[in-house]
Protein backbone atom coordinates (compact mmCIF):
# COMPACT_ATOMS: atom_id res chain seq x y z
CA MET A 1 186.27 148.59 88.84
CA ASP A 2 185.91 151.99 89.51
CA GLU A 3 182.66 153.88 90.28
CA LEU A 4 182.00 154.62 86.61
CA ASP A 5 182.49 150.97 85.74
CA LYS A 6 179.77 150.07 88.26
CA ARG A 7 177.64 152.99 87.03
CA ILE A 8 177.74 150.99 83.41
CA ILE A 9 177.26 147.79 84.71
CA ASN A 10 173.85 148.88 87.05
CA GLN A 11 172.64 150.94 83.77
CA LEU A 12 173.41 148.42 81.49
CA GLN A 13 171.37 145.60 83.60
CA GLN A 14 168.56 147.70 83.75
CA GLY A 15 167.98 147.15 80.11
CA PHE A 16 169.52 148.11 76.72
CA PRO A 17 167.89 150.73 74.36
CA ILE A 18 166.30 149.39 71.29
CA CYS A 19 167.20 152.28 69.06
CA GLU A 20 169.50 153.34 66.07
CA GLN A 21 172.39 154.29 68.52
CA PRO A 22 171.78 152.52 71.49
CA TYR A 23 175.54 152.83 72.80
CA ALA A 24 174.88 156.43 72.44
CA GLN A 25 171.54 156.51 74.65
CA VAL A 26 173.50 154.78 77.15
CA ALA A 27 176.63 156.84 76.98
CA ALA A 28 174.53 160.03 77.02
CA SER A 29 172.49 158.52 80.06
CA LEU A 30 176.01 158.38 82.01
CA GLY A 31 177.10 161.42 80.89
CA ILE A 32 180.17 159.98 79.12
CA PRO A 33 181.37 159.35 75.80
CA VAL A 34 180.61 156.73 73.56
CA ALA A 35 184.09 155.92 72.95
CA GLU A 36 184.87 155.76 76.75
CA LEU A 37 181.75 153.59 77.33
CA LEU A 38 182.88 151.00 74.21
CA GLN A 39 186.41 150.93 75.92
CA ARG A 40 185.07 150.16 79.25
CA LEU A 41 182.66 147.78 78.24
CA GLN A 42 185.98 146.16 76.21
CA SER A 43 188.12 146.15 79.32
CA LEU A 44 185.59 144.67 81.59
CA LEU A 45 185.32 141.85 79.39
CA ASP A 46 188.87 141.60 78.73
CA SER A 47 189.52 141.50 82.54
CA GLY A 48 187.02 138.95 83.07
CA VAL A 49 184.65 141.25 85.24
CA LEU A 50 182.03 140.65 82.82
CA SER A 51 182.24 137.20 81.15
CA ARG A 52 179.69 138.16 78.61
CA PHE A 53 177.41 141.15 77.36
CA GLY A 54 175.00 140.39 75.09
CA PRO A 55 171.01 139.51 74.73
CA LEU A 56 169.55 136.69 77.20
CA PHE A 57 166.79 135.13 74.86
CA HIS A 58 163.94 132.89 76.91
CA ALA A 59 164.58 130.02 74.83
CA GLU A 60 161.20 128.02 75.95
CA GLN A 61 159.19 131.39 74.90
CA MET A 62 160.63 130.79 71.57
CA GLY A 63 159.53 126.94 71.60
CA GLY A 64 163.44 125.96 72.32
CA ALA A 65 164.64 124.68 75.54
CA LEU A 66 167.50 125.25 77.80
CA THR A 67 169.27 123.29 80.65
CA LEU A 68 172.08 123.36 82.93
CA ALA A 69 174.66 120.60 83.03
CA ALA A 70 177.71 119.95 84.74
CA LEU A 71 180.84 117.39 84.19
CA GLN A 72 183.55 115.93 86.52
CA VAL A 73 186.40 116.42 84.59
CA PRO A 74 190.22 115.37 85.53
CA GLU A 75 191.97 118.34 85.99
CA SER A 76 194.55 117.30 83.32
CA ARG A 77 191.79 117.15 80.84
CA PHE A 78 190.24 120.63 81.89
CA GLU A 79 190.99 122.25 78.86
CA GLU A 80 191.05 119.69 76.17
CA VAL A 81 187.58 118.80 77.38
CA SER A 82 186.34 122.49 77.86
CA GLU A 83 187.20 122.96 73.76
CA LEU A 84 185.47 120.16 73.16
CA VAL A 85 182.14 121.29 75.07
CA ASN A 86 182.34 124.99 73.93
CA ALA A 87 182.90 123.74 69.88
CA PHE A 88 179.00 122.60 70.64
CA PRO A 89 176.66 125.91 68.76
CA GLU A 90 174.17 124.89 71.64
CA VAL A 91 176.48 125.38 74.76
CA ALA A 92 175.58 129.18 75.52
CA HIS A 93 178.46 129.45 78.26
CA ASN A 94 180.77 126.97 80.12
CA TYR A 95 182.75 128.00 83.34
CA ALA A 96 184.98 126.13 85.85
CA ARG A 97 183.49 125.45 89.62
CA ASP A 98 185.44 124.67 92.73
CA HIS A 99 183.35 121.36 93.16
CA SER A 100 183.85 117.59 92.20
CA LEU A 101 181.46 118.85 89.34
CA ASN A 102 184.11 121.14 88.17
CA MET A 103 182.60 122.11 84.64
CA TRP A 104 179.08 123.72 84.32
CA PHE A 105 177.65 124.68 80.90
CA VAL A 106 174.35 125.85 79.85
CA VAL A 107 172.94 123.88 76.79
CA ALA A 108 170.09 126.18 74.42
CA THR A 109 168.45 124.28 71.50
CA GLU A 110 165.87 125.28 68.93
CA ARG A 111 163.45 122.57 70.07
CA PRO A 112 163.05 120.78 73.53
CA GLU A 113 164.04 117.26 72.33
CA GLN A 114 167.14 118.24 71.21
CA VAL A 115 168.71 118.81 74.49
CA ALA A 116 168.90 115.05 75.37
CA ALA A 117 170.47 114.63 71.87
CA VAL A 118 173.18 117.21 72.71
CA LEU A 119 173.95 116.02 76.19
CA SER A 120 174.46 112.74 74.62
CA ALA A 121 176.82 113.98 71.80
CA ILE A 122 179.00 115.72 74.39
CA GLU A 123 179.16 112.34 76.86
CA ALA A 124 180.19 110.90 73.49
CA LYS A 125 183.03 113.33 72.69
CA THR A 126 184.49 113.64 76.21
CA GLY A 127 183.83 110.35 77.45
CA LEU A 128 182.34 111.64 80.51
CA LYS A 129 178.77 111.27 82.16
CA VAL A 130 177.00 114.79 82.14
CA LEU A 131 174.76 115.52 84.81
CA ASN A 132 171.37 117.35 83.49
CA MET A 133 169.79 119.73 85.73
CA PRO A 134 167.07 121.48 83.96
CA LYS A 135 165.07 124.50 85.20
CA ILE A 136 162.09 123.89 87.23
CA ARG A 137 161.45 127.54 88.00
CA GLU A 138 162.61 130.55 86.99
CA TYR A 139 163.95 133.39 89.33
CA TYR A 140 165.34 136.94 88.53
CA VAL A 141 167.95 138.06 90.93
CA GLY A 142 168.73 141.60 90.11
CA LEU A 143 172.38 142.78 90.86
CA GLN A 144 173.15 146.59 91.77
CA LEU A 145 176.89 147.62 92.60
CA GLU A 146 177.22 150.39 94.92
CA ALA A 147 178.59 153.34 92.84
């Protein structure tokens, strides 16, 4: 990442404009062409520096629910299990961890009672026990990179 990439990330973490041309507004605030902003965002995603770029919804405020879940996946099955877990539309994101519980993922549902059903279905598909770690309290941690 160079200084401009850091400025882009910092700018986008402060909020994304809700307007007819949001990328143009962000690009203008950074003093760069829209095409460069879009290319750099895609490059950050392609390289894995950013794992995701999109809205964050508060499922609970919309009547839904979410939970953090984890699996202990044998290394030989990691890719297979990842594909099975990711096939569930309720799985928001999934990532590997350097831990005995080596696969962590977030499940977001339209109704609170759906969480248990989705976790049970994941257990049935994978043959592995899911550890459910529901949110008790929410914290916001802002990340700002030194540019």
